[in-house]
Structures are given as structure tokens and as C-alpha cells.
């Protein structure tokens, strides 16, 4: 388990943020776009019922074979796979939603899967378009240089989509409309965070 924790990249850097968003006494968790399964493994330490879902069968098989954590591994598209709605106390999507063909539809689906009183956390990628964005990009470059030298940079096995269809501003506007009361944070390392608590 220690070896898994020490794998560092721009996504794993923010896993603690997803874990911290879980409501008290949370039991069920869904890792959307689980990839190598590292977040799902972390979630399994805290939750009794964890599902890791990814549309890439090879990636899911690799995650399942290389991790001994008690995780329900599923190959499927979160937008269409038959998952129980209003079921998961924590829904986490890290570097996933920019793959959705329609961000509005995708966020609605994630919200539908979140249990009343549960939390939705999205750590996402977008395009810079403002001076503030570019300032964060510069900070990200510096942070990447320091952390990659001190921790080593681990390249995950999941497919990478370098081009994000939305700007940070567009994502924030769409999320605010779809998830009333959501929290928004622009992060270094070319990421943003959306946190949302579903009303009970």
C-alpha cells in the first residue's frame, strides 16, 4: 500500500481533496474513470463499499489484477452503465469529465448518482483564457518542477486527452448552473476542483 501512495502525478496530488470531501459516516463511494485504480484503493481504506468504473477494459483488468483492495471493478461508461441512482455517499471524478461529450449531461449524471447528503467531487482539466488562469499556469510549472524532482513523476496507464473542450470559466459557469451551491477552486498543476453536497 505504501508503494501506491508514493506514486505522484498531477492527478494523485489531489486525491486527498476527494477523500476529505466525504460526509461523516459515508459508506459507499464511486470512482469515475478509475484508470489504474489508485484512488479506488485509497477509498477502500475508508469506505465499506467502493466501485471503480472505467470504460477501458484493459485498464480495468490491469487495476483489478494489480490491486488487492476490496473494490468492485466495472468496465463501462458512467453515462450509460446501469448504476444505482442516488446511491453513492461520495462520487469522485478525477481528470474524467473533459472526456464527456456533453459536460452538462455528464455533471447531471454524476449528481443523479450521488446519494442525498452525499458529496460529488470533480478534479478536472480545462483551458486557460484569463490572466488569472495564466498566473495559475505559471505557478503550476514551478510546482511541477519542484514536486517531480522531490517525488518523481509517475505516468499513469490510462489514455490521455491533452485538449480540453472548455475553458475554466466555461466549466465554472456550467457547474454553477447544474450544481447549485457548488464550491469552485482553481488549482495549480492545471486543474480545478468542484465540490458539491447533494441536499438531503
N, C-alpha and C. Protein backbone atom coordinates (compact mmCIF):
# COMPACT_ATOMS: atom_id res chain seq x y z
N UNK A 1 0.83 -1.21 0.00
CA UNK A 1 0.00 0.00 0.00
C UNK A 1 0.86 1.26 0.00
N UNK A 2 1.98 1.22 0.71
CA UNK A 2 2.84 2.39 0.77
C UNK A 2 3.38 2.76 -0.61
N UNK A 3 3.69 1.73 -1.40
CA UNK A 3 4.22 1.97 -2.74
C UNK A 3 3.20 2.71 -3.60
N UNK A 4 1.93 2.34 -3.48
CA UNK A 4 0.88 3.00 -4.24
C UNK A 4 0.76 4.46 -3.85
N UNK A 5 0.85 4.74 -2.55
CA UNK A 5 0.70 6.11 -2.07
C UNK A 5 1.78 7.02 -2.65
N UNK A 6 2.96 6.48 -2.91
CA UNK A 6 4.07 7.32 -3.32
C UNK A 6 4.10 7.57 -4.82
N UNK A 7 3.16 7.03 -5.56
CA UNK A 7 3.08 7.36 -6.98
C UNK A 7 2.50 8.76 -7.11
N UNK A 8 3.27 9.64 -7.71
CA UNK A 8 2.83 11.03 -7.77
C UNK A 8 2.70 11.52 -9.20
N UNK A 9 1.59 12.19 -9.47
CA UNK A 9 1.43 12.96 -10.70
C UNK A 9 0.39 14.04 -10.43
N UNK A 10 -0.02 14.74 -11.46
CA UNK A 10 -0.93 15.87 -11.28
C UNK A 10 -2.31 15.45 -10.79
N UNK A 11 -2.68 14.19 -10.99
CA UNK A 11 -3.97 13.70 -10.52
C UNK A 11 -3.88 13.17 -9.09
N UNK A 12 -2.89 12.32 -8.82
CA UNK A 12 -2.78 11.76 -7.48
C UNK A 12 -2.54 12.85 -6.43
N UNK A 13 -1.96 13.96 -6.88
CA UNK A 13 -1.70 15.08 -5.97
C UNK A 13 -2.96 15.56 -5.28
N UNK A 14 -4.11 15.40 -5.93
CA UNK A 14 -5.35 15.93 -5.39
C UNK A 14 -6.30 14.86 -4.85
N UNK A 15 -5.82 13.64 -4.72
CA UNK A 15 -6.67 12.58 -4.17
C UNK A 15 -7.14 12.89 -2.75
N UNK A 16 -6.28 13.49 -1.94
CA UNK A 16 -6.67 13.80 -0.56
C UNK A 16 -7.87 14.75 -0.54
N UNK A 17 -7.95 15.63 -1.53
CA UNK A 17 -9.07 16.55 -1.60
C UNK A 17 -10.39 15.79 -1.81
N UNK A 18 -10.34 14.77 -2.64
CA UNK A 18 -11.54 13.95 -2.86
C UNK A 18 -11.92 13.19 -1.59
N UNK A 19 -10.94 12.63 -0.93
CA UNK A 19 -11.21 11.87 0.30
C UNK A 19 -11.77 12.77 1.40
N UNK A 20 -11.25 13.98 1.49
CA UNK A 20 -11.66 14.89 2.56
C UNK A 20 -13.09 15.37 2.39
N UNK A 21 -13.62 15.28 1.17
CA UNK A 21 -14.97 15.78 0.91
C UNK A 21 -16.06 14.83 1.37
N UNK A 22 -15.70 13.62 1.71
CA UNK A 22 -16.70 12.62 2.10
C UNK A 22 -17.45 13.05 3.35
N UNK A 23 -18.76 12.90 3.36
CA UNK A 23 -19.53 13.25 4.56
C UNK A 23 -19.26 12.25 5.68
N UNK A 24 -19.53 12.65 6.93
CA UNK A 24 -19.35 11.72 8.04
C UNK A 24 -20.21 10.46 7.87
N UNK A 25 -19.67 9.36 8.31
CA UNK A 25 -20.36 8.06 8.26
C UNK A 25 -20.70 7.63 6.82
N UNK A 26 -19.96 8.13 5.87
CA UNK A 26 -20.16 7.69 4.49
C UNK A 26 -19.75 6.22 4.35
N UNK A 27 -20.47 5.51 3.51
CA UNK A 27 -20.23 4.07 3.35
C UNK A 27 -19.92 3.69 1.90
N UNK A 28 -20.61 4.32 0.95
CA UNK A 28 -20.48 3.93 -0.46
C UNK A 28 -19.73 5.01 -1.24
N UNK A 29 -18.86 4.57 -2.16
CA UNK A 29 -18.09 5.51 -2.97
C UNK A 29 -17.97 5.00 -4.40
N UNK A 30 -17.97 5.93 -5.34
CA UNK A 30 -17.80 5.62 -6.76
C UNK A 30 -16.64 6.44 -7.31
N UNK A 31 -15.66 5.74 -7.88
CA UNK A 31 -14.53 6.38 -8.53
C UNK A 31 -14.77 6.32 -10.04
N UNK A 32 -15.12 7.44 -10.63
CA UNK A 32 -15.48 7.51 -12.05
C UNK A 32 -14.22 7.74 -12.88
N UNK A 33 -13.99 6.88 -13.87
CA UNK A 33 -12.76 6.96 -14.64
C UNK A 33 -11.58 6.52 -13.79
N UNK A 34 -11.71 5.36 -13.17
CA UNK A 34 -10.76 4.91 -12.15
C UNK A 34 -9.35 4.69 -12.68
N UNK A 35 -9.20 4.43 -13.97
CA UNK A 35 -7.86 4.25 -14.53
C UNK A 35 -7.10 3.13 -13.83
N UNK A 36 -5.92 3.44 -13.30
CA UNK A 36 -5.10 2.43 -12.62
C UNK A 36 -5.65 2.04 -11.25
N UNK A 37 -6.71 2.71 -10.82
CA UNK A 37 -7.39 2.30 -9.60
C UNK A 37 -6.79 2.81 -8.30
N UNK A 38 -5.85 3.74 -8.38
CA UNK A 38 -5.18 4.19 -7.16
C UNK A 38 -6.12 4.91 -6.20
N UNK A 39 -7.03 5.74 -6.75
CA UNK A 39 -7.98 6.42 -5.88
C UNK A 39 -8.96 5.42 -5.29
N UNK A 40 -9.43 4.47 -6.09
CA UNK A 40 -10.36 3.46 -5.58
C UNK A 40 -9.73 2.69 -4.42
N UNK A 41 -8.46 2.37 -4.53
CA UNK A 41 -7.76 1.67 -3.45
C UNK A 41 -7.72 2.54 -2.19
N UNK A 42 -7.46 3.82 -2.35
CA UNK A 42 -7.48 4.72 -1.20
C UNK A 42 -8.88 4.79 -0.59
N UNK A 43 -9.88 4.86 -1.45
CA UNK A 43 -11.26 4.93 -0.96
C UNK A 43 -11.64 3.67 -0.17
N UNK A 44 -11.12 2.52 -0.61
CA UNK A 44 -11.45 1.25 0.05
C UNK A 44 -10.92 1.18 1.47
N UNK A 45 -9.96 2.03 1.81
CA UNK A 45 -9.48 2.09 3.19
C UNK A 45 -10.49 2.80 4.10
N UNK A 46 -11.36 3.59 3.50
CA UNK A 46 -12.26 4.44 4.27
C UNK A 46 -13.72 4.02 4.14
N UNK A 47 -14.07 3.44 2.99
CA UNK A 47 -15.45 3.08 2.71
C UNK A 47 -15.61 1.56 2.64
N UNK A 48 -16.77 1.08 3.07
CA UNK A 48 -17.01 -0.37 3.04
C UNK A 48 -17.47 -0.86 1.68
N UNK A 49 -17.93 0.04 0.82
CA UNK A 49 -18.47 -0.35 -0.49
C UNK A 49 -17.94 0.63 -1.53
N UNK A 50 -16.95 0.19 -2.31
CA UNK A 50 -16.29 1.05 -3.29
C UNK A 50 -16.41 0.44 -4.68
N UNK A 51 -16.78 1.27 -5.64
CA UNK A 51 -16.84 0.86 -7.04
C UNK A 51 -15.87 1.71 -7.85
N UNK A 52 -15.04 1.05 -8.63
CA UNK A 52 -14.15 1.73 -9.57
C UNK A 52 -14.60 1.43 -10.98
N UNK A 53 -14.94 2.46 -11.72
CA UNK A 53 -15.51 2.28 -13.06
C UNK A 53 -14.67 3.00 -14.10
N UNK A 54 -14.45 2.32 -15.23
CA UNK A 54 -13.73 2.92 -16.34
C UNK A 54 -14.21 2.25 -17.63
N UNK A 55 -14.21 3.01 -18.71
CA UNK A 55 -14.70 2.47 -19.99
C UNK A 55 -13.65 1.64 -20.71
N UNK A 56 -12.40 1.67 -20.26
CA UNK A 56 -11.31 0.94 -20.90
C UNK A 56 -11.13 -0.42 -20.21
N UNK A 57 -11.50 -1.49 -20.90
CA UNK A 57 -11.46 -2.82 -20.30
C UNK A 57 -10.05 -3.23 -19.90
N UNK A 58 -9.06 -2.91 -20.73
CA UNK A 58 -7.69 -3.29 -20.41
C UNK A 58 -7.20 -2.60 -19.15
N UNK A 59 -7.56 -1.34 -19.00
CA UNK A 59 -7.16 -0.59 -17.81
C UNK A 59 -7.83 -1.17 -16.57
N UNK A 60 -9.11 -1.49 -16.66
CA UNK A 60 -9.82 -2.06 -15.52
C UNK A 60 -9.23 -3.41 -15.13
N UNK A 61 -8.94 -4.25 -16.12
CA UNK A 61 -8.34 -5.55 -15.83
C UNK A 61 -6.99 -5.39 -15.16
N UNK A 62 -6.22 -4.41 -15.62
CA UNK A 62 -4.91 -4.15 -15.01
C UNK A 62 -5.06 -3.69 -13.57
N UNK A 63 -6.02 -2.78 -13.33
CA UNK A 63 -6.25 -2.29 -11.97
C UNK A 63 -6.68 -3.42 -11.05
N UNK A 64 -7.55 -4.27 -11.54
CA UNK A 64 -8.05 -5.37 -10.74
C UNK A 64 -6.95 -6.38 -10.40
N UNK A 65 -6.09 -6.65 -11.37
CA UNK A 65 -5.05 -7.66 -11.16
C UNK A 65 -3.89 -7.15 -10.31
N UNK A 66 -3.69 -5.84 -10.27
CA UNK A 66 -2.54 -5.29 -9.55
C UNK A 66 -2.88 -4.74 -8.18
N UNK A 67 -4.16 -4.75 -7.81
CA UNK A 67 -4.57 -4.24 -6.50
C UNK A 67 -5.36 -5.31 -5.76
N UNK A 68 -5.09 -5.42 -4.46
CA UNK A 68 -5.77 -6.42 -3.65
C UNK A 68 -6.90 -5.81 -2.83
N UNK A 69 -7.15 -4.52 -2.99
CA UNK A 69 -8.19 -3.85 -2.21
C UNK A 69 -9.56 -4.40 -2.58
N UNK A 70 -10.48 -4.30 -1.63
CA UNK A 70 -11.85 -4.77 -1.84
C UNK A 70 -12.64 -3.72 -2.61
N UNK A 71 -12.53 -3.79 -3.94
CA UNK A 71 -13.17 -2.83 -4.84
C UNK A 71 -13.99 -3.59 -5.86
N UNK A 72 -15.16 -3.08 -6.16
CA UNK A 72 -16.00 -3.63 -7.22
C UNK A 72 -15.58 -2.98 -8.53
N UNK A 73 -14.81 -3.66 -9.35
CA UNK A 73 -14.29 -3.10 -10.59
C UNK A 73 -15.30 -3.31 -11.72
N UNK A 74 -15.62 -2.25 -12.44
CA UNK A 74 -16.61 -2.32 -13.52
C UNK A 74 -16.04 -1.69 -14.78
N UNK A 75 -16.22 -2.38 -15.90
CA UNK A 75 -15.91 -1.80 -17.21
C UNK A 75 -17.20 -1.23 -17.78
N UNK A 76 -17.25 0.06 -18.00
CA UNK A 76 -18.46 0.67 -18.51
C UNK A 76 -18.35 2.18 -18.58
N UNK A 77 -19.27 2.77 -19.30
CA UNK A 77 -19.37 4.22 -19.45
C UNK A 77 -20.32 4.74 -18.37
N UNK A 78 -19.85 5.65 -17.54
CA UNK A 78 -20.68 6.15 -16.45
C UNK A 78 -21.97 6.78 -16.95
N UNK A 79 -21.97 7.29 -18.18
CA UNK A 79 -23.16 7.96 -18.72
C UNK A 79 -24.26 6.96 -19.08
N UNK A 80 -23.88 5.71 -19.34
CA UNK A 80 -24.88 4.74 -19.81
C UNK A 80 -24.95 3.47 -18.98
N UNK A 81 -23.93 3.18 -18.18
CA UNK A 81 -23.92 1.94 -17.42
C UNK A 81 -25.01 1.98 -16.35
N UNK A 82 -25.62 0.83 -16.11
CA UNK A 82 -26.74 0.73 -15.17
C UNK A 82 -26.22 0.74 -13.72
N UNK A 83 -26.04 1.93 -13.19
CA UNK A 83 -25.61 2.13 -11.82
C UNK A 83 -26.79 2.60 -10.97
N UNK A 84 -26.80 2.27 -9.69
CA UNK A 84 -27.90 2.71 -8.83
C UNK A 84 -27.87 4.22 -8.60
N UNK A 85 -28.95 4.87 -8.91
CA UNK A 85 -29.01 6.33 -8.72
C UNK A 85 -29.23 6.68 -7.25
N UNK A 86 -28.76 7.86 -6.87
CA UNK A 86 -28.90 8.38 -5.51
C UNK A 86 -28.37 7.38 -4.48
N UNK A 87 -27.26 6.74 -4.82
CA UNK A 87 -26.75 5.63 -4.00
C UNK A 87 -25.41 5.92 -3.34
N UNK A 88 -24.54 6.68 -3.99
CA UNK A 88 -23.15 6.80 -3.53
C UNK A 88 -22.96 8.01 -2.63
N UNK A 89 -22.42 7.75 -1.43
CA UNK A 89 -22.15 8.84 -0.48
C UNK A 89 -21.05 9.76 -0.99
N UNK A 90 -20.16 9.22 -1.81
CA UNK A 90 -19.12 10.03 -2.44
C UNK A 90 -18.98 9.59 -3.90
N UNK A 91 -19.11 10.54 -4.80
CA UNK A 91 -18.82 10.31 -6.21
C UNK A 91 -17.61 11.18 -6.55
N UNK A 92 -16.54 10.54 -7.00
CA UNK A 92 -15.31 11.25 -7.33
C UNK A 92 -14.97 11.03 -8.80
N UNK A 93 -14.65 12.11 -9.48
CA UNK A 93 -14.24 12.04 -10.88
C UNK A 93 -12.98 12.89 -11.04
N UNK A 94 -11.85 12.24 -11.22
CA UNK A 94 -10.57 12.94 -11.33
C UNK A 94 -10.07 12.83 -12.77
N UNK A 95 -9.88 14.00 -13.40
CA UNK A 95 -9.40 14.06 -14.79
C UNK A 95 -10.26 13.20 -15.70
N UNK A 96 -11.56 13.32 -15.54
CA UNK A 96 -12.50 12.47 -16.28
C UNK A 96 -13.51 13.26 -17.09
N UNK A 97 -14.07 14.33 -16.53
CA UNK A 97 -15.24 14.95 -17.16
C UNK A 97 -14.92 15.65 -18.47
N UNK A 98 -13.63 15.97 -18.72
CA UNK A 98 -13.31 16.57 -20.01
C UNK A 98 -13.41 15.56 -21.15
N UNK A 99 -13.59 14.27 -20.80
CA UNK A 99 -13.83 13.24 -21.81
C UNK A 99 -15.32 13.15 -22.17
N UNK A 100 -16.18 13.74 -21.37
CA UNK A 100 -17.62 13.65 -21.64
C UNK A 100 -17.96 14.40 -22.93
N UNK A 101 -18.83 13.83 -23.78
CA UNK A 101 -19.23 14.55 -24.99
C UNK A 101 -20.06 15.79 -24.68
N UNK A 102 -20.74 15.80 -23.54
CA UNK A 102 -21.56 16.94 -23.12
C UNK A 102 -21.36 17.12 -21.62
N UNK A 103 -20.70 18.19 -21.21
CA UNK A 103 -20.39 18.39 -19.80
C UNK A 103 -21.65 18.55 -18.96
N UNK A 104 -22.64 19.24 -19.49
CA UNK A 104 -23.90 19.43 -18.75
C UNK A 104 -24.55 18.10 -18.44
N UNK A 105 -24.67 17.26 -19.44
CA UNK A 105 -25.26 15.93 -19.26
C UNK A 105 -24.42 15.10 -18.28
N UNK A 106 -23.11 15.20 -18.42
CA UNK A 106 -22.22 14.43 -17.55
C UNK A 106 -22.32 14.82 -16.10
N UNK A 107 -22.33 16.12 -15.82
CA UNK A 107 -22.47 16.57 -14.43
C UNK A 107 -23.82 16.19 -13.85
N UNK A 108 -24.85 16.25 -14.66
CA UNK A 108 -26.17 15.84 -14.19
C UNK A 108 -26.19 14.37 -13.82
N UNK A 109 -25.53 13.55 -14.63
CA UNK A 109 -25.45 12.11 -14.35
C UNK A 109 -24.71 11.87 -13.04
N UNK A 110 -23.60 12.55 -12.82
CA UNK A 110 -22.87 12.37 -11.57
C UNK A 110 -23.70 12.82 -10.37
N UNK A 111 -24.43 13.90 -10.55
CA UNK A 111 -25.30 14.38 -9.47
C UNK A 111 -26.40 13.37 -9.18
N UNK A 112 -26.95 12.75 -10.22
CA UNK A 112 -28.00 11.75 -10.04
C UNK A 112 -27.50 10.53 -9.28
N UNK A 113 -26.24 10.18 -9.46
CA UNK A 113 -25.67 9.01 -8.78
C UNK A 113 -25.35 9.29 -7.32
N UNK A 114 -25.21 10.55 -6.96
CA UNK A 114 -24.86 10.94 -5.59
C UNK A 114 -26.06 10.79 -4.67
N UNK A 115 -25.83 10.19 -3.52
CA UNK A 115 -26.91 9.99 -2.54
C UNK A 115 -27.27 11.31 -1.88
N UNK A 116 -28.53 11.48 -1.46
CA UNK A 116 -28.90 12.67 -0.68
C UNK A 116 -28.00 12.80 0.55
N UNK A 117 -27.44 13.98 0.73
CA UNK A 117 -26.49 14.20 1.82
C UNK A 117 -25.07 13.81 1.46
N UNK A 118 -24.90 13.23 0.26
CA UNK A 118 -23.58 12.82 -0.18
C UNK A 118 -22.84 13.93 -0.89
N UNK A 119 -21.62 13.64 -1.30
CA UNK A 119 -20.75 14.64 -1.91
C UNK A 119 -20.30 14.21 -3.30
N UNK A 120 -20.23 15.18 -4.19
CA UNK A 120 -19.66 15.00 -5.52
C UNK A 120 -18.40 15.84 -5.60
N UNK A 121 -17.30 15.20 -6.02
CA UNK A 121 -16.03 15.91 -6.17
C UNK A 121 -15.52 15.68 -7.59
N UNK A 122 -15.24 16.77 -8.28
CA UNK A 122 -14.67 16.70 -9.62
C UNK A 122 -13.35 17.45 -9.61
N UNK A 123 -12.28 16.74 -9.91
CA UNK A 123 -10.98 17.37 -10.16
C UNK A 123 -10.78 17.30 -11.67
N UNK A 124 -10.82 18.45 -12.33
CA UNK A 124 -10.86 18.43 -13.78
C UNK A 124 -9.78 19.24 -14.45
N UNK A 125 -9.75 19.08 -15.77
CA UNK A 125 -8.81 19.79 -16.63
C UNK A 125 -9.61 20.73 -17.54
N UNK A 126 -9.04 21.88 -17.83
CA UNK A 126 -9.69 22.84 -18.73
C UNK A 126 -8.62 23.70 -19.39
N UNK A 127 -9.07 24.64 -20.21
CA UNK A 127 -8.16 25.52 -20.93
C UNK A 127 -8.12 26.90 -20.28
N UNK A 128 -6.95 27.48 -20.25
CA UNK A 128 -6.79 28.83 -19.71
C UNK A 128 -7.27 29.87 -20.71
N UNK A 129 -7.88 30.94 -20.18
CA UNK A 129 -8.37 32.01 -21.06
C UNK A 129 -8.30 33.38 -20.41
N UNK A 130 -7.90 33.45 -19.14
CA UNK A 130 -7.83 34.73 -18.44
C UNK A 130 -6.44 34.91 -17.84
N UNK A 131 -6.13 36.14 -17.44
CA UNK A 131 -4.85 36.41 -16.80
C UNK A 131 -4.68 35.59 -15.53
N UNK A 132 -5.77 35.44 -14.79
CA UNK A 132 -5.71 34.64 -13.56
C UNK A 132 -5.36 33.19 -13.89
N UNK A 133 -5.96 32.66 -14.95
CA UNK A 133 -5.63 31.30 -15.37
C UNK A 133 -4.14 31.17 -15.69
N UNK A 134 -3.64 32.12 -16.46
CA UNK A 134 -2.24 32.04 -16.86
C UNK A 134 -1.30 32.18 -15.67
N UNK A 135 -1.72 32.94 -14.65
CA UNK A 135 -0.93 33.05 -13.43
C UNK A 135 -0.86 31.69 -12.73
N UNK A 136 -1.99 30.98 -12.69
CA UNK A 136 -2.00 29.64 -12.10
C UNK A 136 -1.14 28.68 -12.91
N UNK A 137 -1.13 28.86 -14.24
CA UNK A 137 -0.29 28.01 -15.08
C UNK A 137 1.19 28.19 -14.74
N UNK A 138 1.59 29.43 -14.54
CA UNK A 138 2.99 29.71 -14.17
C UNK A 138 3.32 29.07 -12.82
N UNK A 139 2.38 29.20 -11.87
CA UNK A 139 2.57 28.56 -10.57
C UNK A 139 2.65 27.05 -10.72
N UNK A 140 1.82 26.50 -11.62
CA UNK A 140 1.84 25.07 -11.86
C UNK A 140 3.17 24.58 -12.41
N UNK A 141 3.77 25.35 -13.29
CA UNK A 141 5.07 24.99 -13.84
C UNK A 141 6.10 24.88 -12.73
N UNK A 142 6.11 25.89 -11.86
CA UNK A 142 7.08 25.89 -10.75
C UNK A 142 6.81 24.72 -9.80
N UNK A 143 5.53 24.50 -9.47
CA UNK A 143 5.18 23.41 -8.56
C UNK A 143 5.54 22.06 -9.16
N UNK A 144 5.29 21.91 -10.45
CA UNK A 144 5.62 20.65 -11.12
C UNK A 144 7.12 20.38 -11.06
N UNK A 145 7.92 21.39 -11.29
CA UNK A 145 9.36 21.21 -11.29
C UNK A 145 9.85 20.76 -9.92
N UNK A 146 9.33 21.38 -8.88
CA UNK A 146 9.76 21.03 -7.52
C UNK A 146 9.29 19.64 -7.14
N UNK A 147 7.99 19.37 -7.34
CA UNK A 147 7.43 18.10 -6.88
C UNK A 147 7.91 16.91 -7.71
N UNK A 148 8.07 17.11 -9.00
CA UNK A 148 8.52 15.99 -9.83
C UNK A 148 9.97 15.61 -9.49
N UNK A 149 10.75 16.58 -9.03
CA UNK A 149 12.13 16.28 -8.63
C UNK A 149 12.19 15.63 -7.25
N UNK A 150 11.31 16.04 -6.36
CA UNK A 150 11.36 15.51 -4.99
C UNK A 150 10.56 14.21 -4.84
N UNK A 151 9.54 14.02 -5.65
CA UNK A 151 8.70 12.84 -5.52
C UNK A 151 8.80 11.88 -6.70
N UNK A 152 9.32 12.38 -7.82
CA UNK A 152 9.32 11.56 -9.02
C UNK A 152 7.97 11.66 -9.70
N UNK A 153 7.97 11.69 -11.02
CA UNK A 153 6.71 11.82 -11.75
C UNK A 153 6.32 10.46 -12.31
N UNK A 154 5.16 9.98 -11.90
CA UNK A 154 4.65 8.68 -12.35
C UNK A 154 3.62 8.90 -13.45
N UNK A 155 3.85 8.28 -14.61
CA UNK A 155 2.91 8.39 -15.72
C UNK A 155 1.92 7.23 -15.66
N UNK A 156 0.64 7.56 -15.50
CA UNK A 156 -0.38 6.51 -15.41
C UNK A 156 -0.59 5.85 -16.77
N UNK A 157 -1.31 4.72 -16.73
CA UNK A 157 -1.52 3.92 -17.94
C UNK A 157 -2.78 4.31 -18.72
N UNK A 158 -3.65 5.10 -18.13
CA UNK A 158 -4.90 5.45 -18.79
C UNK A 158 -4.65 6.40 -19.96
N UNK A 159 -5.51 6.35 -20.98
CA UNK A 159 -5.35 7.25 -22.12
C UNK A 159 -5.40 8.72 -21.69
N UNK A 160 -4.63 9.55 -22.36
CA UNK A 160 -4.56 10.97 -22.02
C UNK A 160 -5.16 11.79 -23.16
N UNK A 161 -6.06 12.69 -22.79
CA UNK A 161 -6.63 13.63 -23.76
C UNK A 161 -6.07 15.00 -23.43
N UNK A 162 -5.18 15.48 -24.25
CA UNK A 162 -4.47 16.72 -23.93
C UNK A 162 -5.33 17.97 -24.14
N UNK A 163 -6.26 17.91 -25.07
CA UNK A 163 -7.06 19.08 -25.40
C UNK A 163 -8.37 19.08 -24.62
N UNK A 164 -8.58 20.11 -23.81
CA UNK A 164 -9.83 20.22 -23.04
C UNK A 164 -10.84 21.04 -23.83
N UNK A 165 -12.08 20.58 -23.93
CA UNK A 165 -13.06 21.27 -24.76
C UNK A 165 -13.56 22.58 -24.18
N UNK A 166 -13.37 22.80 -22.86
CA UNK A 166 -13.90 24.00 -22.22
C UNK A 166 -12.79 24.78 -21.53
N UNK A 167 -13.02 26.09 -21.39
CA UNK A 167 -12.15 26.90 -20.57
C UNK A 167 -12.56 26.74 -19.10
N UNK A 168 -11.69 27.18 -18.20
CA UNK A 168 -12.04 27.14 -16.79
C UNK A 168 -13.30 27.96 -16.52
N UNK A 169 -13.40 29.09 -17.16
CA UNK A 169 -14.57 29.96 -16.96
C UNK A 169 -15.84 29.25 -17.42
N UNK A 170 -15.78 28.58 -18.54
CA UNK A 170 -16.96 27.87 -19.05
C UNK A 170 -17.35 26.72 -18.13
N UNK A 171 -16.37 25.99 -17.63
CA UNK A 171 -16.68 24.88 -16.71
C UNK A 171 -17.34 25.41 -15.45
N UNK A 172 -16.80 26.50 -14.90
CA UNK A 172 -17.38 27.07 -13.68
C UNK A 172 -18.82 27.51 -13.91
N UNK A 173 -19.09 28.11 -15.05
CA UNK A 173 -20.45 28.57 -15.35
C UNK A 173 -21.41 27.39 -15.51
N UNK A 174 -20.98 26.36 -16.21
CA UNK A 174 -21.83 25.18 -16.40
C UNK A 174 -22.08 24.49 -15.06
N UNK A 175 -21.04 24.34 -14.26
CA UNK A 175 -21.18 23.67 -12.97
C UNK A 175 -22.09 24.46 -12.03
N UNK A 176 -21.97 25.78 -12.04
CA UNK A 176 -22.81 26.61 -11.17
C UNK A 176 -24.28 26.46 -11.54
N UNK A 177 -24.56 26.32 -12.83
CA UNK A 177 -25.95 26.16 -13.27
C UNK A 177 -26.49 24.77 -12.93
N UNK A 178 -25.63 23.75 -13.03
CA UNK A 178 -26.07 22.37 -12.81
C UNK A 178 -26.07 21.97 -11.34
N UNK A 179 -25.17 22.55 -10.56
CA UNK A 179 -24.96 22.13 -9.18
C UNK A 179 -25.07 23.34 -8.26
N UNK A 180 -26.28 23.79 -7.96
CA UNK A 180 -26.46 24.99 -7.13
C UNK A 180 -25.73 24.86 -5.78
N UNK A 181 -25.00 25.89 -5.44
CA UNK A 181 -24.28 25.89 -4.17
C UNK A 181 -22.93 25.19 -4.23
N UNK A 182 -22.50 24.80 -5.41
CA UNK A 182 -21.22 24.08 -5.52
C UNK A 182 -20.06 24.99 -5.14
N UNK A 183 -18.97 24.35 -4.69
CA UNK A 183 -17.74 25.08 -4.42
C UNK A 183 -16.79 24.95 -5.59
N UNK A 184 -16.09 26.02 -5.91
CA UNK A 184 -15.18 26.04 -7.05
C UNK A 184 -13.81 26.52 -6.60
N UNK A 185 -12.77 25.81 -7.02
CA UNK A 185 -11.39 26.24 -6.75
C UNK A 185 -10.55 26.02 -8.00
N UNK A 186 -9.83 27.05 -8.39
CA UNK A 186 -8.83 26.90 -9.45
C UNK A 186 -7.56 26.43 -8.77
N UNK A 187 -6.96 25.38 -9.29
CA UNK A 187 -5.81 24.76 -8.66
C UNK A 187 -4.57 24.88 -9.54
N UNK A 188 -3.39 24.87 -8.94
CA UNK A 188 -2.18 24.73 -9.75
C UNK A 188 -2.15 23.34 -10.41
N UNK A 189 -1.12 23.07 -11.14
CA UNK A 189 -0.97 21.79 -11.84
C UNK A 189 -2.10 21.58 -12.84
N UNK A 190 -2.61 22.68 -13.38
CA UNK A 190 -3.56 22.64 -14.49
C UNK A 190 -4.84 21.88 -14.16
N UNK A 191 -5.39 22.19 -13.00
CA UNK A 191 -6.60 21.52 -12.55
C UNK A 191 -7.56 22.53 -11.91
N UNK A 192 -8.81 22.10 -11.74
CA UNK A 192 -9.80 22.83 -10.95
C UNK A 192 -10.50 21.81 -10.07
N UNK A 193 -11.19 22.28 -9.05
CA UNK A 193 -11.96 21.40 -8.17
C UNK A 193 -13.38 21.92 -8.03
N UNK A 194 -14.32 21.01 -8.21
CA UNK A 194 -15.73 21.26 -7.92
C UNK A 194 -16.12 20.36 -6.76
N UNK A 195 -16.69 20.92 -5.72
CA UNK A 195 -17.24 20.14 -4.63
C UNK A 195 -18.70 20.53 -4.43
N UNK A 196 -19.53 19.54 -4.28
CA UNK A 196 -20.97 19.79 -4.18
C UNK A 196 -21.60 18.80 -3.22
N UNK A 197 -22.40 19.30 -2.33
CA UNK A 197 -23.15 18.44 -1.40
C UNK A 197 -24.60 18.36 -1.87
N UNK A 198 -25.08 17.16 -2.05
CA UNK A 198 -26.45 16.96 -2.54
C UNK A 198 -27.43 17.17 -1.38
N UNK A 199 -28.44 17.99 -1.56
CA UNK A 199 -29.41 18.22 -0.48
C UNK A 199 -30.05 16.90 -0.02
N UNK A 200 -30.31 16.83 1.26
CA UNK A 200 -30.97 15.63 1.79
C UNK A 200 -32.45 15.63 1.47
